[in-house]
Amino acid sequence: MPNKTAKPAAKATVAKPAAAKPAVAKAPAAKPVAPKAPVAAAPAKAPVAAAKPAVKAAAPAPKVEEKKVVTQRQGFKANEFVVYPAHGVGQILAIEEQEIAGAKLELFVINFIKDKMTLRVPTAKVANVGMRKLSEPALVKKALETLKGRARVKRTMWSRRAQEYEAKINSGDIVAIAEVVRDLYRSESQPEQSYSERQLYEAALDRLSREIAVVQHSTETEAVKEIEAQLAKSPRRANAKAEAADGEGEADAEGDTDDTDGDDTTVADEAA
């Protein structure tokens, strides 16, 4: 009987060292925790250094907005004279912002002194409406040279030609407007114009003289005289005056049979 009780006691002594082993294994596990603390503290400074350039990069943002504004304005400035195709020469009084339907719009305020009219044009729509700067002196000279050329009148119905003339006047192209003035001009030795023809001629003459006056820094009266002087140099105008002086009667510029451009339309045909 004493032998049986001794055996379990031996087992108990063997079990104690087995339980002590895991305790020894935990002790070295605490050592790697200590070096991890300084490693984690080092990268904490890196985000602070990276945040500084992020603030500097946000500073040039207004420059992008300025570029957009300049692009929308197409280089137009306040107090500048411009050409609006449907109304001719006007002056930009100001560039203002207005809120329309909850949206902010930047507008050109354009004044047409002779017409006593003020027009507001969105800066983003400048290209669509065809608004442009004043013509260069070289282009003005080309327009004046056009006035000395041979008048060209198509052999079509007056209503169709009137539409073509209106399209040229409202195009804003100074050379095209000069062509209308050239084709519809009548000298004293020529038959009078019809009412509709006279209206188109005066509209084209007004647009042309206004722009020439602003470009050359002269008055509209002086510009009209310069235009009429160029028109008098036209080959057919000179021939008509010579024939009238010789007593051969008035010559109709559009009735010249030698015109290869088909300019044989008379005022009577236009009235019909």
C-alpha atoms as a PDB file:
ATOM      1  CA  MET A   1       0.000   0.000   0.000  1.00  0.00           C
ATOM      2  CA  PRO A   2       2.768   2.534   0.707  1.00  0.00           C
ATOM      3  CA  ASN A   3       4.160   1.882  -2.777  1.00  0.00           C
ATOM      4  CA  LYS A   4       0.964   2.989  -4.563  1.00  0.00           C
ATOM      5  CA  THR A   5       0.901   6.363  -2.853  1.00  0.00           C
ATOM      6  CA  ALA A   6       4.462   7.104  -3.787  1.00  0.00           C
ATOM      7  CA  LYS A   7       3.852   6.965  -7.510  1.00  0.00           C
ATOM      8  CA  PRO A   8       1.379   9.825  -7.753  1.00  0.00           C
ATOM      9  CA  ALA A   9       3.722  11.971  -5.748  1.00  0.00           C
ATOM     10  CA  ALA A  10       6.398  11.470  -8.310  1.00  0.00           C
ATOM     11  CA  LYS A  11       4.032  12.485 -11.066  1.00  0.00           C
ATOM     12  CA  ALA A  12       3.306  15.709  -9.272  1.00  0.00           C
ATOM     13  CA  THR A  13       6.945  16.600  -9.131  1.00  0.00           C
ATOM     14  CA  VAL A  14       7.312  15.993 -12.820  1.00  0.00           C
ATOM     15  CA  ALA A  15       4.326  18.216 -13.673  1.00  0.00           C
ATOM     16  CA  LYS A  16       5.768  21.295 -11.926  1.00  0.00           C
ATOM     17  CA  PRO A  17       8.697  21.847 -14.213  1.00  0.00           C
ATOM     18  CA  ALA A  18       6.379  21.448 -17.220  1.00  0.00           C
ATOM     19  CA  ALA A  19       4.279  24.368 -16.014  1.00  0.00           C
ATOM     20  CA  ALA A  20       7.351  26.539 -15.528  1.00  0.00           C
ATOM     21  CA  LYS A  21       8.409  26.354 -19.182  1.00  0.00           C
ATOM     22  CA  PRO A  22       5.707  28.591 -20.596  1.00  0.00           C
ATOM     23  CA  ALA A  23       6.566  31.205 -18.000  1.00  0.00           C
ATOM     24  CA  VAL A  24      10.149  31.275 -19.262  1.00  0.00           C
ATOM     25  CA  ALA A  25       8.907  31.656 -22.859  1.00  0.00           C
ATOM     26  CA  LYS A  26       6.908  34.794 -21.982  1.00  0.00           C
ATOM     27  CA  ALA A  27       9.902  36.565 -20.529  1.00  0.00           C
ATOM     28  CA  PRO A  28      11.860  36.940 -23.787  1.00  0.00           C
ATOM     29  CA  ALA A  29       8.669  38.008 -25.568  1.00  0.00           C
ATOM     30  CA  ALA A  30       8.688  41.294 -23.612  1.00  0.00           C
ATOM     31  CA  LYS A  31      12.155  42.258 -24.944  1.00  0.00           C
ATOM     32  CA  PRO A  32      11.140  42.984 -28.588  1.00  0.00           C
ATOM     33  CA  VAL A  33       8.416  45.370 -27.366  1.00  0.00           C
ATOM     34  CA  ALA A  34      11.010  47.863 -26.116  1.00  0.00           C
ATOM     35  CA  PRO A  35      12.725  48.511 -29.492  1.00  0.00           C
ATOM     36  CA  LYS A  36       9.413  48.942 -31.256  1.00  0.00           C
ATOM     37  CA  ALA A  37       8.597  52.142 -29.350  1.00  0.00           C
ATOM     38  CA  PRO A  38      11.420  54.301 -30.795  1.00  0.00           C
ATOM     39  CA  VAL A  39      10.763  52.932 -34.297  1.00  0.00           C
ATOM     40  CA  ALA A  40       7.138  54.044 -34.174  1.00  0.00           C
ATOM     41  CA  ALA A  41       8.100  57.499 -32.855  1.00  0.00           C
ATOM     42  CA  ALA A  42      10.457  58.263 -35.744  1.00  0.00           C
ATOM     43  CA  PRO A  43       7.895  58.231 -38.597  1.00  0.00           C
ATOM     44  CA  ALA A  44       5.551  60.440 -36.571  1.00  0.00           C
ATOM     45  CA  LYS A  45       7.665  63.473 -37.623  1.00  0.00           C
ATOM     46  CA  ALA A  46       7.434  62.628 -41.333  1.00  0.00           C
ATOM     47  CA  PRO A  47       3.761  63.603 -41.805  1.00  0.00           C
ATOM     48  CA  VAL A  48       4.478  67.022 -40.272  1.00  0.00           C
ATOM     49  CA  ALA A  49       7.201  67.693 -42.837  1.00  0.00           C
ATOM     50  CA  ALA A  50       4.967  66.505 -45.715  1.00  0.00           C
ATOM     51  CA  ALA A  51       2.109  68.773 -44.664  1.00  0.00           C
ATOM     52  CA  LYS A  52       4.111  71.977 -45.298  1.00  0.00           C
ATOM     53  CA  PRO A  53       4.451  71.620 -49.094  1.00  0.00           C
ATOM     54  CA  ALA A  54       0.756  70.745 -49.271  1.00  0.00           C
ATOM     55  CA  VAL A  55      -0.112  74.220 -47.929  1.00  0.00           C
ATOM     56  CA  LYS A  56       2.244  75.910 -50.411  1.00  0.00           C
ATOM     57  CA  ALA A  57       0.705  74.064 -53.358  1.00  0.00           C
ATOM     58  CA  ALA A  58      -2.745  75.454 -52.532  1.00  0.00           C
ATOM     59  CA  ALA A  59      -1.525  79.079 -52.746  1.00  0.00           C
ATOM     60  CA  PRO A  60      -1.296  79.396 -56.592  1.00  0.00           C
ATOM     61  CA  ALA A  61      -4.960  78.357 -57.023  1.00  0.00           C
ATOM     62  CA  PRO A  62      -6.176  81.966 -57.691  1.00  0.00           C
ATOM     63  CA  LYS A  63      -3.835  82.190 -60.696  1.00  0.00           C
ATOM     64  CA  VAL A  64      -5.829  79.478 -62.441  1.00  0.00           C
ATOM     65  CA  GLU A  65      -9.013  81.477 -61.893  1.00  0.00           C
ATOM     66  CA  GLU A  66      -7.336  84.592 -63.285  1.00  0.00           C
ATOM     67  CA  LYS A  67      -6.382  82.703 -66.429  1.00  0.00           C
ATOM     68  CA  LYS A  68      -9.980  81.587 -66.883  1.00  0.00           C
ATOM     69  CA  VAL A  69     -11.205  85.175 -66.553  1.00  0.00           C
ATOM     70  CA  VAL A  70      -8.699  86.430 -69.127  1.00  0.00           C
ATOM     71  CA  THR A  71      -9.705  83.638 -71.517  1.00  0.00           C
ATOM     72  CA  GLN A  72     -13.395  84.493 -71.204  1.00  0.00           C
ATOM     73  CA  ARG A  73     -12.773  88.200 -71.766  1.00  0.00           C
ATOM     74  CA  GLN A  74     -10.749  87.484 -74.938  1.00  0.00           C
ATOM     75  CA  GLY A  75      -8.399  90.352 -74.085  1.00  0.00           C
ATOM     76  CA  PHE A  76     -11.143  93.033 -74.010  1.00  0.00           C
ATOM     77  CA  LYS A  77     -10.779  95.784 -71.411  1.00  0.00           C
ATOM     78  CA  ALA A  78     -12.876  98.600 -70.001  1.00  0.00           C
ATOM     79  CA  ASN A  79     -12.975 101.895 -71.992  1.00  0.00           C
ATOM     80  CA  GLU A  80     -11.943 100.034 -75.156  1.00  0.00           C
ATOM     81  CA  PHE A  81     -13.724 100.499 -78.496  1.00  0.00           C
ATOM     82  CA  VAL A  82     -14.990  97.279 -80.050  1.00  0.00           C
ATOM     83  CA  VAL A  83     -17.085  96.188 -83.026  1.00  0.00           C
ATOM     84  CA  TYR A  84     -20.342  94.380 -82.292  1.00  0.00           C
ATOM     85  CA  PRO A  85     -21.527  92.941 -85.652  1.00  0.00           C
ATOM     86  CA  ALA A  86     -25.230  93.704 -85.197  1.00  0.00           C
ATOM     87  CA  HIS A  87     -24.717  97.322 -84.022  1.00  0.00           C
ATOM     88  CA  GLY A  88     -21.292  98.469 -85.190  1.00  0.00           C
ATOM     89  CA  VAL A  89     -18.704 100.331 -83.117  1.00  0.00           C
ATOM     90  CA  GLY A  90     -19.301 100.647 -79.370  1.00  0.00           C
ATOM     91  CA  GLN A  91     -17.289 101.336 -76.229  1.00  0.00           C
ATOM     92  CA  ILE A  92     -16.934  99.042 -73.216  1.00  0.00           C
ATOM     93  CA  LEU A  93     -17.927 101.165 -70.232  1.00  0.00           C
ATOM     94  CA  ALA A  94     -17.378  98.529 -67.550  1.00  0.00           C
ATOM     95  CA  ILE A  95     -17.082  94.828 -66.758  1.00  0.00           C
ATOM     96  CA  GLU A  96     -19.547  93.857 -64.033  1.00  0.00           C
ATOM     97  CA  GLU A  97     -21.036  90.794 -62.370  1.00  0.00           C
ATOM     98  CA  GLN A  98     -24.743  90.067 -62.074  1.00  0.00           C
ATOM     99  CA  GLU A  99     -26.661  87.190 -60.548  1.00  0.00           C
ATOM    100  CA  ILE A 100     -29.217  85.730 -62.913  1.00  0.00           C
ATOM    101  CA  ALA A 101     -31.328  82.700 -61.927  1.00  0.00           C
ATOM    102  CA  GLY A 102     -28.984  81.969 -59.052  1.00  0.00           C
ATOM    103  CA  ALA A 103     -25.869  81.977 -61.256  1.00  0.00           C
ATOM    104  CA  LYS A 104     -23.222  84.714 -61.369  1.00  0.00           C
ATOM    105  CA  LEU A 105     -22.430  86.097 -64.826  1.00  0.00           C
ATOM    106  CA  GLU A 106     -19.646  88.459 -65.874  1.00  0.00           C
ATOM    107  CA  LEU A 107     -20.894  91.004 -68.402  1.00  0.00           C
ATOM    108  CA  PHE A 108     -19.424  93.593 -70.767  1.00  0.00           C
ATOM    109  CA  VAL A 109     -21.392  96.855 -70.586  1.00  0.00           C
ATOM    110  CA  ILE A 110     -21.142  98.302 -74.103  1.00  0.00           C
ATOM    111  CA  ASN A 111     -22.401 101.770 -75.013  1.00  0.00           C
ATOM    112  CA  PHE A 112     -23.355 102.797 -78.559  1.00  0.00           C
ATOM    113  CA  ILE A 113     -23.335 106.581 -78.401  1.00  0.00           C
ATOM    114  CA  LYS A 114     -24.909 107.307 -81.772  1.00  0.00           C
ATOM    115  CA  ASP A 115     -27.727 104.807 -81.243  1.00  0.00           C
ATOM    116  CA  LYS A 116     -28.179 105.893 -77.593  1.00  0.00           C
ATOM    117  CA  MET A 117     -28.163 102.260 -76.535  1.00  0.00           C
ATOM    118  CA  THR A 118     -26.399 100.214 -73.853  1.00  0.00           C
ATOM    119  CA  LEU A 119     -25.850  96.500 -74.356  1.00  0.00           C
ATOM    120  CA  ARG A 120     -24.759  93.872 -71.820  1.00  0.00           C
ATOM    121  CA  VAL A 121     -22.926  90.902 -73.283  1.00  0.00           C
ATOM    122  CA  PRO A 122     -21.764  87.880 -71.200  1.00  0.00           C
ATOM    123  CA  THR A 123     -17.997  87.564 -71.420  1.00  0.00           C
ATOM    124  CA  ALA A 124     -18.351  83.843 -72.134  1.00  0.00           C
ATOM    125  CA  LYS A 125     -20.482  84.588 -75.238  1.00  0.00           C
ATOM    126  CA  VAL A 126     -18.110  87.060 -76.883  1.00  0.00           C
ATOM    127  CA  ALA A 127     -16.841  84.559 -79.454  1.00  0.00           C
ATOM    128  CA  ASN A 128     -20.364  83.375 -80.301  1.00  0.00           C
ATOM    129  CA  VAL A 129     -21.708  86.845 -81.072  1.00  0.00           C
ATOM    130  CA  GLY A 130     -18.631  87.735 -83.145  1.00  0.00           C
ATOM    131  CA  MET A 131     -17.531  90.763 -81.133  1.00  0.00           C
ATOM    132  CA  ARG A 132     -14.046  91.846 -82.192  1.00  0.00           C
ATOM    133  CA  LYS A 133     -11.433  94.509 -81.681  1.00  0.00           C
ATOM    134  CA  LEU A 134     -11.061  97.449 -84.060  1.00  0.00           C
ATOM    135  CA  SER A 135      -9.449  96.730 -87.413  1.00  0.00           C
ATOM    136  CA  GLU A 136      -5.756  97.315 -87.862  1.00  0.00           C
ATOM    137  CA  PRO A 137      -4.746 100.319 -90.027  1.00  0.00           C
ATOM    138  CA  ALA A 138      -3.592  97.935 -92.772  1.00  0.00           C
ATOM    139  CA  LEU A 139      -7.067  96.364 -92.947  1.00  0.00           C
ATOM    140  CA  VAL A 140      -8.700  99.802 -93.028  1.00  0.00           C
ATOM    141  CA  LYS A 141      -6.472 100.696 -95.969  1.00  0.00           C
ATOM    142  CA  LYS A 142      -7.575  97.514 -97.736  1.00  0.00           C
ATOM    143  CA  ALA A 143     -11.216  98.477 -97.219  1.00  0.00           C
ATOM    144  CA  LEU A 144     -10.589 101.920 -98.708  1.00  0.00           C
ATOM    145  CA  GLU A 145      -8.874 100.314-101.685  1.00  0.00           C
ATOM    146  CA  THR A 146     -11.951  98.111-102.158  1.00  0.00           C
ATOM    147  CA  LEU A 147     -14.062 101.233-102.665  1.00  0.00           C
ATOM    148  CA  LYS A 148     -12.039 102.126-105.766  1.00  0.00           C
ATOM    149  CA  GLY A 149     -12.821  98.789-107.423  1.00  0.00           C
ATOM    150  CA  ARG A 150     -15.450  97.926-109.976  1.00  0.00           C
ATOM    151  CA  ALA A 151     -18.970  97.603-108.626  1.00  0.00           C
ATOM    152  CA  ARG A 152     -20.299  94.045-108.704  1.00  0.00           C
ATOM    153  CA  VAL A 153     -24.047  93.531-108.838  1.00  0.00           C
ATOM    154  CA  LYS A 154     -25.467  90.067-109.462  1.00  0.00           C
ATOM    155  CA  ARG A 155     -28.242  89.571-111.978  1.00  0.00           C
ATOM    156  CA  THR A 156     -30.731  88.279-109.435  1.00  0.00           C
ATOM    157  CA  MET A 157     -33.908  89.572-107.840  1.00  0.00           C
ATOM    158  CA  TRP A 158     -33.491  92.601-105.611  1.00  0.00           C
ATOM    159  CA  SER A 159     -34.966  90.823-102.575  1.00  0.00           C
ATOM    160  CA  ARG A 160     -32.241  88.184-102.717  1.00  0.00           C
ATOM    161  CA  ARG A 161     -29.492  90.739-103.213  1.00  0.00           C
ATOM    162  CA  ALA A 162     -30.857  92.809-100.334  1.00  0.00           C
ATOM    163  CA  GLN A 163     -30.522  89.787 -98.031  1.00  0.00           C
ATOM    164  CA  GLU A 164     -26.923  89.303 -99.132  1.00  0.00           C
ATOM    165  CA  TYR A 165     -26.145  92.969 -98.479  1.00  0.00           C
ATOM    166  CA  GLU A 166     -27.693  92.777 -94.994  1.00  0.00           C
ATOM    167  CA  ALA A 167     -25.658  89.664 -94.202  1.00  0.00           C
ATOM    168  CA  LYS A 168     -22.457  91.481 -95.183  1.00  0.00           C
ATOM    169  CA  ILE A 169     -23.340  94.549 -93.110  1.00  0.00           C
ATOM    170  CA  ASN A 170     -24.083  92.440 -90.005  1.00  0.00           C
ATOM    171  CA  SER A 171     -21.014  90.239 -90.462  1.00  0.00           C
ATOM    172  CA  GLY A 172     -18.772  92.847 -88.868  1.00  0.00           C
ATOM    173  CA  ASP A 173     -16.180  92.380 -91.635  1.00  0.00           C
ATOM    174  CA  ILE A 174     -14.963  95.843 -92.631  1.00  0.00           C
ATOM    175  CA  VAL A 175     -13.982  94.728 -96.140  1.00  0.00           C
ATOM    176  CA  ALA A 176     -17.392  93.117 -96.758  1.00  0.00           C
ATOM    177  CA  ILE A 177     -19.104  96.313 -95.593  1.00  0.00           C
ATOM    178  CA  ALA A 178     -16.916  98.325 -97.966  1.00  0.00           C
ATOM    179  CA  GLU A 179     -18.095  96.074-100.819  1.00  0.00           C
ATOM    180  CA  VAL A 180     -21.731  96.958-100.029  1.00  0.00           C
ATOM    181  CA  VAL A 181     -20.896 100.673-100.040  1.00  0.00           C
ATOM    182  CA  ARG A 182     -19.080 100.283-103.352  1.00  0.00           C
ATOM    183  CA  ASP A 183     -21.894  98.340-105.040  1.00  0.00           C
ATOM    184  CA  LEU A 184     -24.754 100.594-103.863  1.00  0.00           C
ATOM    185  CA  TYR A 185     -23.082 103.972-104.303  1.00  0.00           C
ATOM    186  CA  ARG A 186     -24.617 106.369-106.821  1.00  0.00           C
ATOM    187  CA  SER A 187     -22.885 109.521-108.065  1.00  0.00           C
ATOM    188  CA  GLU A 188     -24.718 112.675-109.068  1.00  0.00           C
ATOM    189  CA  SER A 189     -24.556 111.689-112.731  1.00  0.00           C
ATOM    190  CA  GLN A 190     -26.250 108.342-112.047  1.00  0.00           C
ATOM    191  CA  PRO A 191     -29.923 107.480-111.510  1.00  0.00           C
ATOM    192  CA  GLU A 192     -31.219 107.819-107.969  1.00  0.00           C
ATOM    193  CA  GLN A 193     -31.445 104.850-105.641  1.00  0.00           C
ATOM    194  CA  SER A 194     -34.670 103.181-104.616  1.00  0.00           C
ATOM    195  CA  TYR A 195     -35.792 103.605-101.006  1.00  0.00           C
ATOM    196  CA  SER A 196     -34.674 100.135 -99.842  1.00  0.00           C
ATOM    197  CA  GLU A 197     -31.383 100.466-101.698  1.00  0.00           C
ATOM    198  CA  ARG A 198     -30.749 103.838-100.091  1.00  0.00           C
ATOM    199  CA  GLN A 199     -31.407 102.435 -96.621  1.00  0.00           C
ATOM    200  CA  LEU A 200     -28.880  99.630 -97.060  1.00  0.00           C
ATOM    201  CA  TYR A 201     -26.304 102.036 -98.481  1.00  0.00           C
ATOM    202  CA  GLU A 202     -26.641 104.425 -95.542  1.00  0.00           C
ATOM    203  CA  ALA A 203     -26.427 101.555 -93.027  1.00  0.00           C
ATOM    204  CA  ALA A 204     -23.226 100.254 -94.638  1.00  0.00           C
ATOM    205  CA  LEU A 205     -21.760 103.765 -94.937  1.00  0.00           C
ATOM    206  CA  ASP A 206     -22.502 104.457 -91.266  1.00  0.00           C
ATOM    207  CA  ARG A 207     -20.796 101.248 -90.082  1.00  0.00           C
ATOM    208  CA  LEU A 208     -17.755 101.837 -92.273  1.00  0.00           C
ATOM    209  CA  SER A 209     -17.306 105.539 -91.469  1.00  0.00           C
ATOM    210  CA  ARG A 210     -17.625 104.956 -87.703  1.00  0.00           C
ATOM    211  CA  GLU A 211     -14.869 102.373 -87.588  1.00  0.00           C
ATOM    212  CA  ILE A 212     -12.569 104.350 -89.873  1.00  0.00           C
ATOM    213  CA  ALA A 213     -13.089 107.463 -87.726  1.00  0.00           C
ATOM    214  CA  VAL A 214     -12.168 105.642 -84.498  1.00  0.00           C
ATOM    215  CA  VAL A 215      -9.133 103.906 -86.007  1.00  0.00           C
ATOM    216  CA  GLN A 216      -7.812 107.084 -87.634  1.00  0.00           C
ATOM    217  CA  HIS A 217      -8.793 109.327 -84.678  1.00  0.00           C
ATOM    218  CA  SER A 218     -10.891 111.583 -86.892  1.00  0.00           C
ATOM    219  CA  THR A 219     -14.556 112.615 -87.095  1.00  0.00           C
ATOM    220  CA  GLU A 220     -17.257 110.670 -88.925  1.00  0.00           C
ATOM    221  CA  THR A 221     -17.737 113.561 -91.335  1.00  0.00           C
ATOM    222  CA  GLU A 222     -14.065 113.399 -92.346  1.00  0.00           C
ATOM    223  CA  ALA A 223     -14.335 109.624 -92.707  1.00  0.00           C
ATOM    224  CA  VAL A 224     -17.372 109.940 -95.012  1.00  0.00           C
ATOM    225  CA  LYS A 225     -15.520 112.445 -97.198  1.00  0.00           C
ATOM    226  CA  GLU A 226     -12.573 110.061 -97.463  1.00  0.00           C
ATOM    227  CA  ILE A 227     -14.905 107.209 -98.437  1.00  0.00           C
ATOM    228  CA  GLU A 228     -16.656 109.258-101.112  1.00  0.00           C
ATOM    229  CA  ALA A 229     -13.285 110.393-102.477  1.00  0.00           C
ATOM    230  CA  GLN A 230     -12.279 106.748-102.911  1.00  0.00           C
ATOM    231  CA  LEU A 231     -15.620 105.891-104.549  1.00  0.00           C
ATOM    232  CA  ALA A 232     -15.109 108.689-107.084  1.00  0.00           C
ATOM    233  CA  LYS A 233     -11.929 106.955-108.261  1.00  0.00           C
ATOM    234  CA  SER A 234     -13.837 103.907-109.458  1.00  0.00           C
ATOM    235  CA  PRO A 235     -13.316 103.283-113.221  1.00  0.00           C
ATOM    236  CA  ARG A 236     -17.004 103.309-114.015  1.00  0.00           C
ATOM    237  CA  ARG A 237     -17.708 106.404-111.953  1.00  0.00           C
ATOM    238  CA  ALA A 238     -15.003 108.262-113.898  1.00  0.00           C
ATOM    239  CA  ASN A 239     -16.419 107.064-117.242  1.00  0.00           C
ATOM    240  CA  ALA A 240     -19.899 108.139-116.240  1.00  0.00           C
ATOM    241  CA  LYS A 241     -18.716 111.634-115.391  1.00  0.00           C
ATOM    242  CA  ALA A 242     -16.795 111.915-118.646  1.00  0.00           C
ATOM    243  CA  GLU A 243     -19.840 110.897-120.672  1.00  0.00           C
ATOM    244  CA  ALA A 244     -22.015 113.384-118.820  1.00  0.00           C
ATOM    245  CA  ALA A 245     -19.496 116.140-119.507  1.00  0.00           C
ATOM    246  CA  ASP A 246     -19.504 115.296-123.224  1.00  0.00           C
ATOM    247  CA  GLY A 247     -23.284 115.568-123.364  1.00  0.00           C
ATOM    248  CA  GLU A 248     -23.812 111.865-124.057  1.00  0.00           C
ATOM    249  CA  GLY A 249     -26.260 111.496-121.168  1.00  0.00           C
ATOM    250  CA  GLU A 250     -26.039 109.832-117.818  1.00  0.00           C
ATOM    251  CA  ALA A 251     -24.363 106.461-117.721  1.00  0.00           C
ATOM    252  CA  ASP A 252     -25.662 103.759-115.420  1.00  0.00           C
ATOM    253  CA  ALA A 253     -22.790 101.936-113.731  1.00  0.00           C
ATOM    254  CA  GLU A 254     -24.778  98.727-113.529  1.00  0.00           C
ATOM    255  CA  GLY A 255     -25.787  98.949-117.197  1.00  0.00           C
ATOM    256  CA  ASP A 256     -22.260  98.655-118.623  1.00  0.00           C
ATOM    257  CA  THR A 257     -22.319  95.798-121.161  1.00  0.00           C
ATOM    258  CA  ASP A 258     -18.536  95.441-120.996  1.00  0.00           C
ATOM    259  CA  ASP A 259     -18.722  94.285-117.398  1.00  0.00           C
ATOM    260  CA  THR A 260     -17.515  90.714-117.214  1.00  0.00           C
ATOM    261  CA  ASP A 261     -18.898  90.388-113.685  1.00  0.00           C
ATOM    262  CA  GLY A 262     -22.473  90.499-114.909  1.00  0.00           C
ATOM    263  CA  ASP A 263     -23.081  93.954-113.418  1.00  0.00           C
ATOM    264  CA  ASP A 264     -25.825  94.919-115.857  1.00  0.00           C
ATOM    265  CA  THR A 265     -28.656  95.406-113.384  1.00  0.00           C
ATOM    266  CA  THR A 266     -30.282  98.815-113.629  1.00  0.00           C
ATOM    267  CA  VAL A 267     -32.265 100.751-111.059  1.00  0.00           C
ATOM    268  CA  ALA A 268     -35.453  99.974-112.988  1.00  0.00           C
ATOM    269  CA  ASP A 269     -34.740  96.260-112.605  1.00  0.00           C
ATOM    270  CA  GLU A 270     -34.185  96.741-108.889  1.00  0.00           C
ATOM    271  CA  ALA A 271     -37.509  98.535-108.487  1.00  0.00           C
ATOM    272  CA  ALA A 272     -39.234  95.652-110.277  1.00  0.00           C
END
